[in-house]
Amino acid sequence: QVHLVESGGGLVQPGESLRLSCAASGFFFSDSVMRWYRQNPQTERDLVAVLTTDGSGFYYADSVKGRFTVSRDNAKNTAYLQMDSLKPEDTAIYYCYARQTWGQGTQVTVSS
């Protein structure tokens, strides 16, 4: 059974950083493309970044380019989303997605 668990969210001030983690189980993690999405009450669930099997991110949403970085540790079955220079508009619930399965999400709030 595919299972994804996000962690690392929290409340930060503008300009600060957070690193989100997505712990995966129940499938061959190293063979799977991982995706990060986010959603707030005003928007649909939007794609933020895509992480390829070799650890290189080949897609970032325009709104996060240059500030967010995806990575993975296949030995730990974990994907990461490093978020720097956070802005209030980054406030959302962040989800990881793989193998047609969503995690439960982790809340990120950017506010002064």
C-alpha atoms as a PDB file:
ATOM      1  CA  GLN A   1       0.000   0.000   0.000  1.00  0.00           C
ATOM      2  CA  VAL A   2       1.421   3.337  -1.065  1.00  0.00           C
ATOM      3  CA  HIS A   3       1.860   5.723   1.840  1.00  0.00           C
ATOM      4  CA  LEU A   4       3.211   9.277   1.837  1.00  0.00           C
ATOM      5  CA  VAL A   5       3.783  11.402   4.927  1.00  0.00           C
ATOM      6  CA  GLU A   6       4.767  15.057   4.715  1.00  0.00           C
ATOM      7  CA  SER A   7       6.437  16.946   7.540  1.00  0.00           C
ATOM      8  CA  GLY A   8       8.395  20.122   8.168  1.00  0.00           C
ATOM      9  CA  GLY A   9       5.721  22.753   7.776  1.00  0.00           C
ATOM     10  CA  GLY A  10       5.267  25.619  10.182  1.00  0.00           C
ATOM     11  CA  LEU A  11       4.966  29.341  10.704  1.00  0.00           C
ATOM     12  CA  VAL A  12       7.829  31.483   9.458  1.00  0.00           C
ATOM     13  CA  GLN A  13       8.445  35.113   8.656  1.00  0.00           C
ATOM     14  CA  PRO A  14       8.909  36.423   5.111  1.00  0.00           C
ATOM     15  CA  GLY A  15      12.421  35.754   3.856  1.00  0.00           C
ATOM     16  CA  GLU A  16      12.952  32.701   6.030  1.00  0.00           C
ATOM     17  CA  SER A  17      13.342  29.087   4.939  1.00  0.00           C
ATOM     18  CA  LEU A  18      11.717  25.728   5.524  1.00  0.00           C
ATOM     19  CA  ARG A  19      12.500  22.227   4.348  1.00  0.00           C
ATOM     20  CA  LEU A  20       9.608  19.863   3.795  1.00  0.00           C
ATOM     21  CA  SER A  21      10.041  16.111   3.806  1.00  0.00           C
ATOM     22  CA  CYS A  22       7.928  13.400   2.205  1.00  0.00           C
ATOM     23  CA  ALA A  23       8.527   9.937   3.623  1.00  0.00           C
ATOM     24  CA  ALA A  24       7.380   7.215   1.248  1.00  0.00           C
ATOM     25  CA  SER A  25       6.586   3.542   1.697  1.00  0.00           C
ATOM     26  CA  GLY A  26       4.825   0.738  -0.099  1.00  0.00           C
ATOM     27  CA  PHE A  27       6.396   1.168  -3.532  1.00  0.00           C
ATOM     28  CA  PHE A  28       9.761   1.357  -5.277  1.00  0.00           C
ATOM     29  CA  PHE A  29      10.639   4.901  -4.327  1.00  0.00           C
ATOM     30  CA  SER A  30      13.814   5.099  -6.397  1.00  0.00           C
ATOM     31  CA  ASP A  31      11.826   4.295  -9.570  1.00  0.00           C
ATOM     32  CA  SER A  32       9.166   6.908  -8.956  1.00  0.00           C
ATOM     33  CA  VAL A  33       8.794  10.490 -10.017  1.00  0.00           C
ATOM     34  CA  MET A  34       7.747  12.602  -7.041  1.00  0.00           C
ATOM     35  CA  ARG A  35       5.628  15.725  -7.240  1.00  0.00           C
ATOM     36  CA  TRP A  36       4.994  18.561  -4.809  1.00  0.00           C
ATOM     37  CA  TYR A  37       1.711  20.497  -4.905  1.00  0.00           C
ATOM     38  CA  ARG A  38       0.219  23.226  -2.781  1.00  0.00           C
ATOM     39  CA  GLN A  39      -3.266  24.488  -2.088  1.00  0.00           C
ATOM     40  CA  ASN A  40      -4.783  27.372  -0.181  1.00  0.00           C
ATOM     41  CA  PRO A  41      -8.469  28.245   0.254  1.00  0.00           C
ATOM     42  CA  GLN A  42      -8.366  30.589  -2.754  1.00  0.00           C
ATOM     43  CA  THR A  43      -6.754  28.238  -5.247  1.00  0.00           C
ATOM     44  CA  GLU A  44      -6.912  24.766  -6.656  1.00  0.00           C
ATOM     45  CA  ARG A  45      -4.144  22.321  -5.885  1.00  0.00           C
ATOM     46  CA  ASP A  46      -1.268  23.638  -7.966  1.00  0.00           C
ATOM     47  CA  LEU A  47       1.844  21.812  -9.083  1.00  0.00           C
ATOM     48  CA  VAL A  48       4.952  23.298  -7.462  1.00  0.00           C
ATOM     49  CA  ALA A  49       7.785  21.012  -8.517  1.00  0.00           C
ATOM     50  CA  VAL A  50       8.560  17.655 -10.058  1.00  0.00           C
ATOM     51  CA  LEU A  51      11.441  15.486  -8.904  1.00  0.00           C
ATOM     52  CA  THR A  52      12.834  12.939 -11.320  1.00  0.00           C
ATOM     53  CA  THR A  53      14.113   9.524 -10.345  1.00  0.00           C
ATOM     54  CA  ASP A  54      17.751  10.608 -10.552  1.00  0.00           C
ATOM     55  CA  GLY A  55      17.172  13.530  -8.190  1.00  0.00           C
ATOM     56  CA  SER A  56      17.119  16.381 -10.659  1.00  0.00           C
ATOM     57  CA  GLY A  57      14.081  18.635 -10.730  1.00  0.00           C
ATOM     58  CA  PHE A  58      12.958  19.256 -14.267  1.00  0.00           C
ATOM     59  CA  TYR A  59       9.958  21.409 -13.423  1.00  0.00           C
ATOM     60  CA  TYR A  60       9.344  24.295 -11.077  1.00  0.00           C
ATOM     61  CA  ALA A  61       6.336  26.588 -11.105  1.00  0.00           C
ATOM     62  CA  ASP A  62       7.293  30.092 -12.208  1.00  0.00           C
ATOM     63  CA  SER A  63       6.284  31.452  -8.824  1.00  0.00           C
ATOM     64  CA  VAL A  64       8.928  29.381  -7.015  1.00  0.00           C
ATOM     65  CA  LYS A  65      11.792  29.231  -9.520  1.00  0.00           C
ATOM     66  CA  GLY A  66      15.075  30.237  -7.944  1.00  0.00           C
ATOM     67  CA  ARG A  67      13.677  29.911  -4.429  1.00  0.00           C
ATOM     68  CA  PHE A  68      12.564  26.278  -4.094  1.00  0.00           C
ATOM     69  CA  THR A  69      14.702  23.201  -4.673  1.00  0.00           C
ATOM     70  CA  VAL A  70      13.629  19.575  -4.798  1.00  0.00           C
ATOM     71  CA  SER A  71      15.854  16.665  -3.847  1.00  0.00           C
ATOM     72  CA  ARG A  72      15.599  13.054  -2.764  1.00  0.00           C
ATOM     73  CA  ASP A  73      17.396  10.477  -0.686  1.00  0.00           C
ATOM     74  CA  ASN A  74      16.610   7.098  -2.186  1.00  0.00           C
ATOM     75  CA  ALA A  75      18.305   5.301   0.715  1.00  0.00           C
ATOM     76  CA  LYS A  76      15.776   6.894   3.074  1.00  0.00           C
ATOM     77  CA  ASN A  77      12.792   6.759   0.686  1.00  0.00           C
ATOM     78  CA  THR A  78      12.341  10.469   1.260  1.00  0.00           C
ATOM     79  CA  ALA A  79      11.797  13.466  -0.987  1.00  0.00           C
ATOM     80  CA  TYR A  80      12.493  17.032   0.078  1.00  0.00           C
ATOM     81  CA  LEU A  81      11.339  20.499  -0.848  1.00  0.00           C
ATOM     82  CA  GLN A  82      13.734  23.209   0.273  1.00  0.00           C
ATOM     83  CA  MET A  83      11.945  26.541   0.347  1.00  0.00           C
ATOM     84  CA  ASP A  84      14.018  29.707   0.661  1.00  0.00           C
ATOM     85  CA  SER A  85      13.099  33.377   0.600  1.00  0.00           C
ATOM     86  CA  LEU A  86       9.559  32.516   1.549  1.00  0.00           C
ATOM     87  CA  LYS A  87       6.791  34.984   0.782  1.00  0.00           C
ATOM     88  CA  PRO A  88       3.306  35.391   2.255  1.00  0.00           C
ATOM     89  CA  GLU A  89       1.869  34.098  -1.015  1.00  0.00           C
ATOM     90  CA  ASP A  90       3.644  30.785  -0.406  1.00  0.00           C
ATOM     91  CA  THR A  91       1.217  30.153   2.439  1.00  0.00           C
ATOM     92  CA  ALA A  92      -0.598  26.904   1.665  1.00  0.00           C
ATOM     93  CA  ILE A  93      -0.924  23.258   2.516  1.00  0.00           C
ATOM     94  CA  TYR A  94       1.856  21.393   0.736  1.00  0.00           C
ATOM     95  CA  TYR A  95       1.318  17.869  -0.538  1.00  0.00           C
ATOM     96  CA  CYS A  96       3.560  15.268  -2.086  1.00  0.00           C
ATOM     97  CA  TYR A  97       2.171  12.951  -4.727  1.00  0.00           C
ATOM     98  CA  ALA A  98       3.323   9.682  -6.258  1.00  0.00           C
ATOM     99  CA  ARG A  99       1.787   6.532  -7.704  1.00  0.00           C
ATOM    100  CA  GLN A 100      -1.693   8.103  -7.751  1.00  0.00           C
ATOM    101  CA  THR A 101      -1.501   8.718  -4.016  1.00  0.00           C
ATOM    102  CA  TRP A 102      -1.531  11.930  -1.974  1.00  0.00           C
ATOM    103  CA  GLY A 103       0.024  12.546   1.382  1.00  0.00           C
ATOM    104  CA  GLN A 104      -1.999  14.223   4.115  1.00  0.00           C
ATOM    105  CA  GLY A 105      -0.284  17.564   3.607  1.00  0.00           C
ATOM    106  CA  THR A 106       1.681  19.920   5.824  1.00  0.00           C
ATOM    107  CA  GLN A 107       0.733  23.526   6.526  1.00  0.00           C
ATOM    108  CA  VAL A 108       3.156  26.307   5.649  1.00  0.00           C
ATOM    109  CA  THR A 109       2.308  29.796   6.859  1.00  0.00           C
ATOM    110  CA  VAL A 110       4.449  32.802   5.967  1.00  0.00           C
ATOM    111  CA  SER A 111       3.526  35.855   7.958  1.00  0.00           C
ATOM    112  CA  SER A 112       5.125  38.705   9.818  1.00  0.00           C
END
